Amino acid sequence: MDFLELAKKRQSTRDYSPKVVPRESIDRCIEAARLAPSACNSQPWSFIVVDREPMRTKLASGAFGGIYAMNSFAKKAPVFIVVITERAPYITRLGGYLKGVQYSLIDIGIACEHLILEAEELGMGTCWLGWFDERFVKNLLKVPKDKKVDVIISMGYPEEGRLRDKSRRPLDEIRRFAE
C-alpha cells in the first residue's frame, strides 16, 4: 500500500471483532517496532503481549476501570500490547537532560507508530492508550518498579464500519518554507 494511503486509512479503533489475532501477525507488528530508529540506537522499549484468557480480561478490567473508564471500550480488544519504557544509555539521557527532551518517549512514539501502521497494513485496528492504571498493570504483569509503562496499544480486527473523516488542519496552515 502507498504510505500516504496507509496514513489516511489508519484510525483509532474503538469497536473490535472477537476474531482471534494470529501470533504471527502480532510478531510482524512488533518486528516493525523493533526496526524503528532511536536516539543513539538506544532502543528503550520492550513489549508484553496480552492475548490469552484469563490474563487479557484481568488486564482490561483493572487497567480501564474506575477513573480510567473513559477507555473502557478497549476491554473488547482481543490483544493488548503493553509498551515498557526501558532505561536509555547514559549518553542518551545526558543529551536529553541538556536539551530538556526525554528522548526515550520520542523513541517509544516512533516504535509504536511503526507497530500500529504494520497492524493497519495487515487489516487490523489499534488504539494508542495513555490513560490507564499503570500501578495495576505493573503489578499484574510483574514489571519492575524502575520500569515505566507509558503506552498500551489495543489491537484486533475492527468491526465493520466506514472510515471516519479525518479532521486535520490544512497543509498550508502547518507548513512554511524558510526564505
N, C-alpha and C. Protein backbone atom coordinates (compact mmCIF):
# COMPACT_ATOMS: atom_id res chain seq x y z
N MET A 1 0.85 -1.19 0.00
CA MET A 1 0.00 0.00 0.00
C MET A 1 0.89 1.24 0.00
N ASP A 2 0.50 2.24 -0.73
CA ASP A 2 1.16 3.53 -0.74
C ASP A 2 1.12 4.11 0.67
N PHE A 3 2.24 4.69 1.14
CA PHE A 3 2.32 5.15 2.52
C PHE A 3 1.27 6.20 2.86
N LEU A 4 1.06 7.18 2.00
CA LEU A 4 0.05 8.20 2.30
C LEU A 4 -1.35 7.59 2.38
N GLU A 5 -1.62 6.61 1.55
CA GLU A 5 -2.92 5.93 1.63
C GLU A 5 -3.05 5.19 2.96
N LEU A 6 -1.96 4.55 3.39
CA LEU A 6 -1.97 3.87 4.69
C LEU A 6 -2.21 4.87 5.81
N ALA A 7 -1.53 6.01 5.77
CA ALA A 7 -1.70 7.04 6.80
C ALA A 7 -3.13 7.59 6.80
N LYS A 8 -3.72 7.73 5.62
CA LYS A 8 -5.10 8.22 5.54
C LYS A 8 -6.09 7.19 6.08
N LYS A 9 -5.79 5.93 5.85
CA LYS A 9 -6.70 4.86 6.24
C LYS A 9 -6.65 4.58 7.74
N ARG A 10 -5.50 4.74 8.35
CA ARG A 10 -5.33 4.39 9.77
C ARG A 10 -6.15 5.33 10.65
N GLN A 11 -6.90 4.72 11.56
CA GLN A 11 -7.68 5.49 12.54
C GLN A 11 -7.73 4.69 13.84
N SER A 12 -8.00 5.35 14.93
CA SER A 12 -8.12 4.66 16.21
C SER A 12 -9.37 3.78 16.18
N THR A 13 -9.19 2.52 16.54
CA THR A 13 -10.30 1.56 16.55
C THR A 13 -10.87 1.48 17.95
N ARG A 14 -12.17 1.61 18.05
CA ARG A 14 -12.83 1.55 19.35
C ARG A 14 -13.90 0.47 19.41
N ASP A 15 -14.01 -0.33 18.36
CA ASP A 15 -15.00 -1.39 18.33
C ASP A 15 -14.36 -2.60 17.65
N TYR A 16 -14.07 -3.61 18.44
CA TYR A 16 -13.31 -4.76 17.94
C TYR A 16 -14.19 -5.99 17.74
N SER A 17 -13.86 -6.75 16.71
CA SER A 17 -14.44 -8.06 16.47
C SER A 17 -13.79 -9.04 17.45
N PRO A 18 -14.48 -10.10 17.84
CA PRO A 18 -13.86 -11.10 18.73
C PRO A 18 -12.88 -12.03 18.00
N LYS A 19 -12.71 -11.84 16.70
CA LYS A 19 -11.84 -12.70 15.91
C LYS A 19 -10.42 -12.74 16.51
N VAL A 20 -9.87 -13.93 16.61
CA VAL A 20 -8.54 -14.14 17.17
C VAL A 20 -7.48 -13.56 16.23
N VAL A 21 -6.51 -12.87 16.81
CA VAL A 21 -5.38 -12.33 16.05
C VAL A 21 -4.24 -13.35 16.11
N PRO A 22 -3.79 -13.85 14.97
CA PRO A 22 -2.69 -14.82 14.99
C PRO A 22 -1.41 -14.21 15.58
N ARG A 23 -0.71 -15.00 16.37
CA ARG A 23 0.54 -14.51 16.97
C ARG A 23 1.57 -14.12 15.92
N GLU A 24 1.51 -14.75 14.75
CA GLU A 24 2.43 -14.37 13.68
C GLU A 24 2.19 -12.92 13.25
N SER A 25 0.95 -12.51 13.23
CA SER A 25 0.63 -11.12 12.88
C SER A 25 1.09 -10.16 13.97
N ILE A 26 0.91 -10.56 15.21
CA ILE A 26 1.39 -9.74 16.32
C ILE A 26 2.91 -9.59 16.23
N ASP A 27 3.59 -10.69 15.96
CA ASP A 27 5.05 -10.65 15.84
C ASP A 27 5.51 -9.75 14.70
N ARG A 28 4.77 -9.73 13.59
CA ARG A 28 5.12 -8.82 12.49
C ARG A 28 5.04 -7.37 12.94
N CYS A 29 4.03 -7.06 13.72
CA CYS A 29 3.87 -5.69 14.23
C CYS A 29 5.00 -5.32 15.18
N ILE A 30 5.36 -6.25 16.05
CA ILE A 30 6.45 -5.97 16.99
C ILE A 30 7.78 -5.92 16.25
N GLU A 31 7.94 -6.69 15.21
CA GLU A 31 9.15 -6.60 14.39
C GLU A 31 9.25 -5.22 13.73
N ALA A 32 8.14 -4.69 13.27
CA ALA A 32 8.15 -3.33 12.70
C ALA A 32 8.60 -2.33 13.76
N ALA A 33 8.11 -2.49 14.98
CA ALA A 33 8.53 -1.60 16.08
C ALA A 33 10.01 -1.77 16.38
N ARG A 34 10.47 -3.01 16.38
CA ARG A 34 11.89 -3.30 16.67
C ARG A 34 12.82 -2.60 15.70
N LEU A 35 12.37 -2.43 14.47
CA LEU A 35 13.20 -1.82 13.43
C LEU A 35 13.21 -0.30 13.47
N ALA A 36 12.42 0.29 14.36
CA ALA A 36 12.32 1.75 14.44
C ALA A 36 13.65 2.37 14.87
N PRO A 37 13.94 3.57 14.37
CA PRO A 37 15.15 4.26 14.82
C PRO A 37 14.95 4.80 16.24
N SER A 38 16.07 5.03 16.92
CA SER A 38 16.01 5.60 18.27
C SER A 38 17.29 6.40 18.52
N ALA A 39 17.21 7.33 19.46
CA ALA A 39 18.36 8.18 19.78
C ALA A 39 19.55 7.32 20.19
N CYS A 40 20.68 7.51 19.54
CA CYS A 40 21.90 6.74 19.82
C CYS A 40 21.66 5.23 19.74
N ASN A 41 20.69 4.82 18.94
CA ASN A 41 20.31 3.41 18.80
C ASN A 41 20.01 2.77 20.16
N SER A 42 19.41 3.55 21.05
CA SER A 42 19.19 3.08 22.43
C SER A 42 18.09 2.03 22.55
N GLN A 43 17.13 2.04 21.64
CA GLN A 43 16.04 1.06 21.63
C GLN A 43 15.45 0.88 23.03
N PRO A 44 14.92 1.97 23.62
CA PRO A 44 14.48 1.91 25.02
C PRO A 44 13.08 1.34 25.21
N TRP A 45 12.82 0.18 24.65
CA TRP A 45 11.49 -0.39 24.69
C TRP A 45 11.54 -1.89 24.86
N SER A 46 10.48 -2.41 25.40
CA SER A 46 10.18 -3.84 25.34
C SER A 46 8.66 -3.93 25.34
N PHE A 47 8.16 -5.09 24.97
CA PHE A 47 6.72 -5.25 24.75
C PHE A 47 6.22 -6.51 25.45
N ILE A 48 5.12 -6.38 26.14
CA ILE A 48 4.44 -7.54 26.72
C ILE A 48 3.12 -7.69 25.98
N VAL A 49 2.93 -8.85 25.36
CA VAL A 49 1.70 -9.12 24.61
C VAL A 49 0.74 -9.88 25.53
N VAL A 50 -0.47 -9.36 25.64
CA VAL A 50 -1.51 -10.00 26.44
C VAL A 50 -2.64 -10.35 25.48
N ASP A 51 -2.73 -11.64 25.14
CA ASP A 51 -3.71 -12.07 24.14
C ASP A 51 -4.44 -13.36 24.53
N ARG A 52 -4.26 -13.81 25.75
CA ARG A 52 -4.89 -15.05 26.19
C ARG A 52 -5.67 -14.80 27.48
N GLU A 53 -6.74 -15.58 27.62
CA GLU A 53 -7.55 -15.53 28.85
C GLU A 53 -6.89 -16.43 29.90
N PRO A 54 -7.03 -16.12 31.15
CA PRO A 54 -7.81 -15.04 31.74
C PRO A 54 -7.03 -13.72 31.87
N MET A 55 -5.75 -13.73 31.51
CA MET A 55 -4.91 -12.54 31.70
C MET A 55 -5.45 -11.34 30.93
N ARG A 56 -5.97 -11.56 29.72
CA ARG A 56 -6.48 -10.45 28.91
C ARG A 56 -7.62 -9.73 29.65
N THR A 57 -8.56 -10.49 30.19
CA THR A 57 -9.69 -9.90 30.91
C THR A 57 -9.23 -9.22 32.19
N LYS A 58 -8.30 -9.83 32.92
CA LYS A 58 -7.77 -9.21 34.14
C LYS A 58 -7.13 -7.86 33.82
N LEU A 59 -6.31 -7.83 32.77
CA LEU A 59 -5.64 -6.58 32.39
C LEU A 59 -6.67 -5.53 31.99
N ALA A 60 -7.59 -5.90 31.13
CA ALA A 60 -8.59 -4.95 30.63
C ALA A 60 -9.44 -4.38 31.77
N SER A 61 -9.90 -5.24 32.65
CA SER A 61 -10.76 -4.79 33.75
C SER A 61 -10.02 -3.87 34.71
N GLY A 62 -8.80 -4.21 35.05
CA GLY A 62 -8.04 -3.41 36.01
C GLY A 62 -7.46 -2.14 35.42
N ALA A 63 -6.99 -2.22 34.19
CA ALA A 63 -6.33 -1.06 33.56
C ALA A 63 -7.33 0.02 33.19
N PHE A 64 -8.55 -0.37 32.80
CA PHE A 64 -9.51 0.58 32.25
C PHE A 64 -10.77 0.72 33.10
N GLY A 65 -10.64 0.54 34.40
CA GLY A 65 -11.76 0.71 35.30
C GLY A 65 -11.60 1.99 36.13
N GLY A 66 -12.61 2.29 36.92
CA GLY A 66 -12.55 3.45 37.82
C GLY A 66 -12.36 4.75 37.05
N ILE A 67 -11.39 5.54 37.48
CA ILE A 67 -11.16 6.84 36.84
C ILE A 67 -10.63 6.70 35.41
N TYR A 68 -10.27 5.48 35.02
CA TYR A 68 -9.74 5.23 33.67
C TYR A 68 -10.82 4.69 32.73
N ALA A 69 -12.07 4.72 33.18
CA ALA A 69 -13.17 4.10 32.43
C ALA A 69 -13.45 4.76 31.09
N MET A 70 -12.93 5.97 30.85
CA MET A 70 -13.16 6.59 29.53
C MET A 70 -12.60 5.71 28.42
N ASN A 71 -11.65 4.82 28.74
CA ASN A 71 -11.09 3.91 27.75
C ASN A 71 -11.65 2.50 27.89
N SER A 72 -12.83 2.36 28.51
CA SER A 72 -13.41 1.03 28.72
C SER A 72 -13.76 0.33 27.41
N PHE A 73 -13.89 1.08 26.32
CA PHE A 73 -14.14 0.46 25.01
C PHE A 73 -13.04 -0.55 24.68
N ALA A 74 -11.84 -0.31 25.19
CA ALA A 74 -10.70 -1.17 24.87
C ALA A 74 -10.83 -2.56 25.47
N LYS A 75 -11.71 -2.72 26.45
CA LYS A 75 -11.87 -4.02 27.11
C LYS A 75 -12.24 -5.12 26.13
N LYS A 76 -12.85 -4.75 24.99
CA LYS A 76 -13.26 -5.75 23.99
C LYS A 76 -12.14 -6.16 23.05
N ALA A 77 -11.00 -5.46 23.10
CA ALA A 77 -9.89 -5.79 22.20
C ALA A 77 -9.35 -7.17 22.53
N PRO A 78 -9.08 -7.99 21.52
CA PRO A 78 -8.54 -9.32 21.79
C PRO A 78 -7.05 -9.32 22.15
N VAL A 79 -6.36 -8.21 21.89
CA VAL A 79 -4.92 -8.15 22.16
C VAL A 79 -4.60 -6.80 22.79
N PHE A 80 -3.71 -6.84 23.77
CA PHE A 80 -3.11 -5.63 24.33
C PHE A 80 -1.60 -5.77 24.23
N ILE A 81 -0.97 -4.72 23.75
CA ILE A 81 0.49 -4.68 23.73
C ILE A 81 0.89 -3.60 24.73
N VAL A 82 1.51 -4.05 25.80
CA VAL A 82 1.95 -3.16 26.87
C VAL A 82 3.38 -2.76 26.55
N VAL A 83 3.60 -1.46 26.41
CA VAL A 83 4.90 -0.94 26.00
C VAL A 83 5.67 -0.49 27.24
N ILE A 84 6.79 -1.13 27.47
CA ILE A 84 7.64 -0.83 28.62
C ILE A 84 8.74 0.13 28.16
N THR A 85 8.86 1.24 28.88
CA THR A 85 9.96 2.18 28.60
C THR A 85 11.16 1.73 29.40
N GLU A 86 12.17 1.30 28.68
CA GLU A 86 13.42 0.83 29.31
C GLU A 86 14.34 2.02 29.56
N ARG A 87 15.28 1.84 30.42
CA ARG A 87 16.26 2.88 30.72
C ARG A 87 17.20 3.05 29.52
N ALA A 88 17.33 4.27 29.04
CA ALA A 88 18.21 4.56 27.91
C ALA A 88 19.66 4.63 28.40
N PRO A 89 20.62 4.44 27.51
CA PRO A 89 22.03 4.57 27.90
C PRO A 89 22.34 5.98 28.43
N TYR A 90 23.39 6.06 29.20
CA TYR A 90 23.77 7.31 29.86
C TYR A 90 23.90 8.47 28.88
N ILE A 91 24.56 8.26 27.75
CA ILE A 91 24.81 9.37 26.80
C ILE A 91 23.50 9.92 26.25
N THR A 92 22.53 9.04 26.04
CA THR A 92 21.22 9.48 25.56
C THR A 92 20.50 10.29 26.64
N ARG A 93 20.56 9.81 27.86
CA ARG A 93 19.92 10.53 28.96
C ARG A 93 20.59 11.88 29.19
N LEU A 94 21.92 11.92 29.09
CA LEU A 94 22.65 13.17 29.28
C LEU A 94 22.26 14.18 28.20
N GLY A 95 22.25 13.74 26.96
CA GLY A 95 21.84 14.62 25.86
C GLY A 95 20.43 15.13 26.05
N GLY A 96 19.55 14.26 26.50
CA GLY A 96 18.17 14.65 26.76
C GLY A 96 18.07 15.66 27.89
N TYR A 97 18.87 15.46 28.92
CA TYR A 97 18.87 16.40 30.05
C TYR A 97 19.33 17.78 29.59
N LEU A 98 20.41 17.82 28.81
CA LEU A 98 20.95 19.09 28.35
C LEU A 98 19.99 19.82 27.40
N LYS A 99 19.24 19.08 26.62
CA LYS A 99 18.27 19.67 25.68
C LYS A 99 16.88 19.83 26.29
N GLY A 100 16.65 19.24 27.45
CA GLY A 100 15.32 19.29 28.05
C GLY A 100 14.32 18.42 27.31
N VAL A 101 14.80 17.29 26.78
CA VAL A 101 13.97 16.39 25.98
C VAL A 101 14.10 14.98 26.53
N GLN A 102 12.99 14.29 26.69
CA GLN A 102 13.05 12.89 27.10
C GLN A 102 13.01 12.04 25.82
N TYR A 103 14.20 11.78 25.29
CA TYR A 103 14.30 11.08 24.01
C TYR A 103 13.64 9.71 24.03
N SER A 104 13.65 9.05 25.18
CA SER A 104 13.05 7.72 25.22
C SER A 104 11.56 7.76 24.85
N LEU A 105 10.86 8.83 25.23
CA LEU A 105 9.44 8.92 24.86
C LEU A 105 9.27 9.17 23.36
N ILE A 106 10.17 9.94 22.78
CA ILE A 106 10.13 10.12 21.32
C ILE A 106 10.39 8.79 20.63
N ASP A 107 11.38 8.06 21.14
CA ASP A 107 11.72 6.75 20.56
C ASP A 107 10.56 5.77 20.67
N ILE A 108 9.90 5.75 21.84
CA ILE A 108 8.74 4.88 22.03
C ILE A 108 7.64 5.26 21.04
N GLY A 109 7.46 6.58 20.84
CA GLY A 109 6.45 7.04 19.89
C GLY A 109 6.71 6.55 18.48
N ILE A 110 7.97 6.62 18.06
CA ILE A 110 8.32 6.14 16.72
C ILE A 110 8.07 4.64 16.61
N ALA A 111 8.51 3.88 17.60
CA ALA A 111 8.34 2.43 17.57
C ALA A 111 6.86 2.05 17.55
N CYS A 112 6.07 2.73 18.39
CA CYS A 112 4.63 2.42 18.43
C CYS A 112 3.95 2.78 17.12
N GLU A 113 4.35 3.86 16.50
CA GLU A 113 3.76 4.23 15.21
C GLU A 113 4.10 3.18 14.15
N HIS A 114 5.34 2.69 14.15
CA HIS A 114 5.69 1.59 13.24
C HIS A 114 4.76 0.40 13.48
N LEU A 115 4.55 0.06 14.75
CA LEU A 115 3.73 -1.09 15.11
C LEU A 115 2.29 -0.92 14.62
N ILE A 116 1.70 0.24 14.89
CA ILE A 116 0.29 0.40 14.52
C ILE A 116 0.10 0.53 13.01
N LEU A 117 1.10 1.06 12.31
CA LEU A 117 0.97 1.12 10.85
C LEU A 117 1.10 -0.27 10.24
N GLU A 118 1.95 -1.12 10.79
CA GLU A 118 2.03 -2.50 10.31
C GLU A 118 0.71 -3.23 10.59
N ALA A 119 0.12 -2.98 11.76
CA ALA A 119 -1.17 -3.60 12.06
C ALA A 119 -2.22 -3.17 11.03
N GLU A 120 -2.24 -1.89 10.70
CA GLU A 120 -3.18 -1.40 9.68
C GLU A 120 -2.94 -2.08 8.34
N GLU A 121 -1.68 -2.22 7.98
CA GLU A 121 -1.33 -2.89 6.73
C GLU A 121 -1.84 -4.33 6.71
N LEU A 122 -1.88 -4.96 7.88
CA LEU A 122 -2.35 -6.35 7.99
C LEU A 122 -3.87 -6.44 8.18
N GLY A 123 -4.57 -5.30 8.11
CA GLY A 123 -6.02 -5.30 8.22
C GLY A 123 -6.56 -5.24 9.64
N MET A 124 -5.67 -4.94 10.59
CA MET A 124 -6.10 -4.84 11.98
C MET A 124 -6.28 -3.39 12.39
N GLY A 125 -7.01 -3.20 13.47
CA GLY A 125 -7.18 -1.88 14.03
C GLY A 125 -6.46 -1.80 15.37
N THR A 126 -6.09 -0.59 15.75
CA THR A 126 -5.40 -0.36 17.02
C THR A 126 -5.91 0.93 17.64
N CYS A 127 -5.63 1.06 18.92
CA CYS A 127 -5.84 2.34 19.58
C CYS A 127 -4.70 2.53 20.58
N TRP A 128 -4.07 3.67 20.48
CA TRP A 128 -2.95 4.04 21.34
C TRP A 128 -3.55 4.60 22.62
N LEU A 129 -3.24 3.99 23.76
CA LEU A 129 -3.84 4.37 25.03
C LEU A 129 -2.78 4.82 26.02
N GLY A 130 -2.98 5.99 26.58
CA GLY A 130 -2.06 6.50 27.58
C GLY A 130 -2.73 6.72 28.93
N TRP A 131 -4.06 6.56 29.00
CA TRP A 131 -4.81 6.78 30.23
C TRP A 131 -5.27 5.43 30.75
N PHE A 132 -4.54 4.89 31.73
CA PHE A 132 -4.82 3.58 32.31
C PHE A 132 -4.15 3.52 33.68
N ASP A 133 -4.50 2.53 34.46
CA ASP A 133 -3.96 2.36 35.79
C ASP A 133 -2.59 1.67 35.70
N GLU A 134 -1.55 2.49 35.63
CA GLU A 134 -0.20 1.95 35.46
C GLU A 134 0.21 1.06 36.63
N ARG A 135 -0.10 1.46 37.84
CA ARG A 135 0.28 0.65 39.00
C ARG A 135 -0.33 -0.75 38.90
N PHE A 136 -1.61 -0.82 38.54
CA PHE A 136 -2.27 -2.11 38.38
C PHE A 136 -1.57 -2.95 37.30
N VAL A 137 -1.31 -2.33 36.16
CA VAL A 137 -0.68 -3.04 35.04
C VAL A 137 0.68 -3.58 35.44
N LYS A 138 1.49 -2.74 36.08
CA LYS A 138 2.82 -3.17 36.50
C LYS A 138 2.76 -4.33 37.49
N ASN A 139 1.84 -4.26 38.45
CA ASN A 139 1.70 -5.35 39.42
C ASN A 139 1.25 -6.63 38.75
N LEU A 140 0.22 -6.54 37.90
CA LEU A 140 -0.31 -7.73 37.23
C LEU A 140 0.75 -8.42 36.38
N LEU A 141 1.51 -7.63 35.63
CA LEU A 141 2.47 -8.19 34.68
C LEU A 141 3.89 -8.32 35.25
N LYS A 142 4.02 -8.00 36.54
CA LYS A 142 5.32 -8.12 37.22
C LYS A 142 6.41 -7.29 36.55
N VAL A 143 6.06 -6.07 36.19
CA VAL A 143 7.01 -5.13 35.60
C VAL A 143 7.81 -4.51 36.76
N PRO A 144 9.14 -4.54 36.69
CA PRO A 144 9.95 -3.98 37.78
C PRO A 144 9.62 -2.51 38.05
N LYS A 145 9.80 -2.11 39.31
CA LYS A 145 9.46 -0.75 39.73
C LYS A 145 10.25 0.32 38.99
N ASP A 146 11.46 0.00 38.55
CA ASP A 146 12.29 1.01 37.87
C ASP A 146 11.92 1.16 36.40
N LYS A 147 10.97 0.39 35.90
CA LYS A 147 10.49 0.50 34.52
C LYS A 147 9.20 1.31 34.51
N LYS A 148 8.86 1.84 33.35
CA LYS A 148 7.66 2.66 33.19
C LYS A 148 6.79 2.04 32.10
N VAL A 149 5.50 2.06 32.32
CA VAL A 149 4.54 1.67 31.28
C VAL A 149 3.86 2.95 30.84
N ASP A 150 4.26 3.48 29.70
CA ASP A 150 3.71 4.74 29.20
C ASP A 150 2.57 4.54 28.20
N VAL A 151 2.51 3.37 27.57
CA VAL A 151 1.56 3.15 26.49
C VAL A 151 1.02 1.73 26.54
N ILE A 152 -0.26 1.59 26.28
CA ILE A 152 -0.85 0.29 25.96
C ILE A 152 -1.52 0.46 24.61
N ILE A 153 -1.29 -0.49 23.72
CA ILE A 153 -1.93 -0.47 22.41
C ILE A 153 -2.95 -1.60 22.38
N SER A 154 -4.22 -1.24 22.17
CA SER A 154 -5.24 -2.27 21.97
C SER A 154 -5.21 -2.64 20.49
N MET A 155 -5.44 -3.91 20.22
CA MET A 155 -5.32 -4.39 18.84
C MET A 155 -6.33 -5.49 18.56
N GLY A 156 -6.82 -5.49 17.35
CA GLY A 156 -7.72 -6.55 16.91
C GLY A 156 -8.29 -6.19 15.55
N TYR A 157 -9.18 -7.02 15.08
CA TYR A 157 -9.84 -6.74 13.82
C TYR A 157 -11.03 -5.84 14.11
N PRO A 158 -11.14 -4.72 13.39
CA PRO A 158 -12.25 -3.81 13.66
C PRO A 158 -13.58 -4.39 13.19
N GLU A 159 -14.63 -4.03 13.92
CA GLU A 159 -15.97 -4.35 13.44
C GLU A 159 -16.16 -3.55 12.16
N GLU A 160 -17.00 -4.06 11.29
CA GLU A 160 -17.24 -3.36 10.04
C GLU A 160 -17.79 -1.96 10.30
N GLY A 161 -17.31 -1.03 9.57
CA GLY A 161 -17.78 0.34 9.71
C GLY A 161 -17.07 1.20 8.69
N ARG A 162 -17.61 2.37 8.50
CA ARG A 162 -16.99 3.22 7.49
C ARG A 162 -15.82 3.98 8.09
N LEU A 163 -14.92 4.36 7.23
CA LEU A 163 -13.78 5.17 7.62
C LEU A 163 -14.29 6.55 8.03
N ARG A 164 -13.89 6.98 9.21
CA ARG A 164 -14.31 8.32 9.67
C ARG A 164 -13.50 9.38 8.93
N ASP A 165 -14.14 10.53 8.71
CA ASP A 165 -13.42 11.65 8.11
C ASP A 165 -12.37 12.13 9.10
N LYS A 166 -11.18 12.45 8.59
CA LYS A 166 -10.12 12.99 9.44
C LYS A 166 -10.27 14.50 9.48
N SER A 167 -10.23 15.04 10.66
CA SER A 167 -10.29 16.48 10.85
C SER A 167 -8.87 16.95 11.13
N ARG A 168 -8.22 17.45 10.13
CA ARG A 168 -6.83 17.90 10.25
C ARG A 168 -6.70 19.32 9.70
N ARG A 169 -5.78 20.06 10.29
CA ARG A 169 -5.52 21.40 9.78
C ARG A 169 -4.94 21.30 8.38
N PRO A 170 -5.19 22.30 7.52
CA PRO A 170 -4.66 22.27 6.16
C PRO A 170 -3.13 22.34 6.14
N LEU A 171 -2.55 21.77 5.12
CA LEU A 171 -1.10 21.76 4.96
C LEU A 171 -0.52 23.17 5.02
N ASP A 172 -1.15 24.12 4.34
CA ASP A 172 -0.63 25.49 4.32
C ASP A 172 -0.63 26.13 5.71
N GLU A 173 -1.45 25.62 6.60
CA GLU A 173 -1.51 26.17 7.95
C GLU A 173 -0.40 25.63 8.85
N ILE A 174 0.11 24.45 8.54
CA ILE A 174 1.11 23.84 9.43
C ILE A 174 2.52 23.86 8.83
N ARG A 175 2.66 24.21 7.58
CA ARG A 175 3.96 24.17 6.91
C ARG A 175 4.33 25.54 6.37
N ARG A 176 5.59 25.88 6.52
CA ARG A 176 6.11 27.08 5.85
C ARG A 176 7.52 26.78 5.37
N PHE A 177 7.91 27.43 4.31
CA PHE A 177 9.26 27.28 3.79
C PHE A 177 10.08 28.47 4.25
N ALA A 178 11.29 28.20 4.72
CA ALA A 178 12.18 29.29 5.14
C ALA A 178 12.64 30.04 3.89
N GLU A 179 12.69 31.33 3.98
CA GLU A 179 13.11 32.16 2.84
C GLU A 179 14.54 32.61 3.03
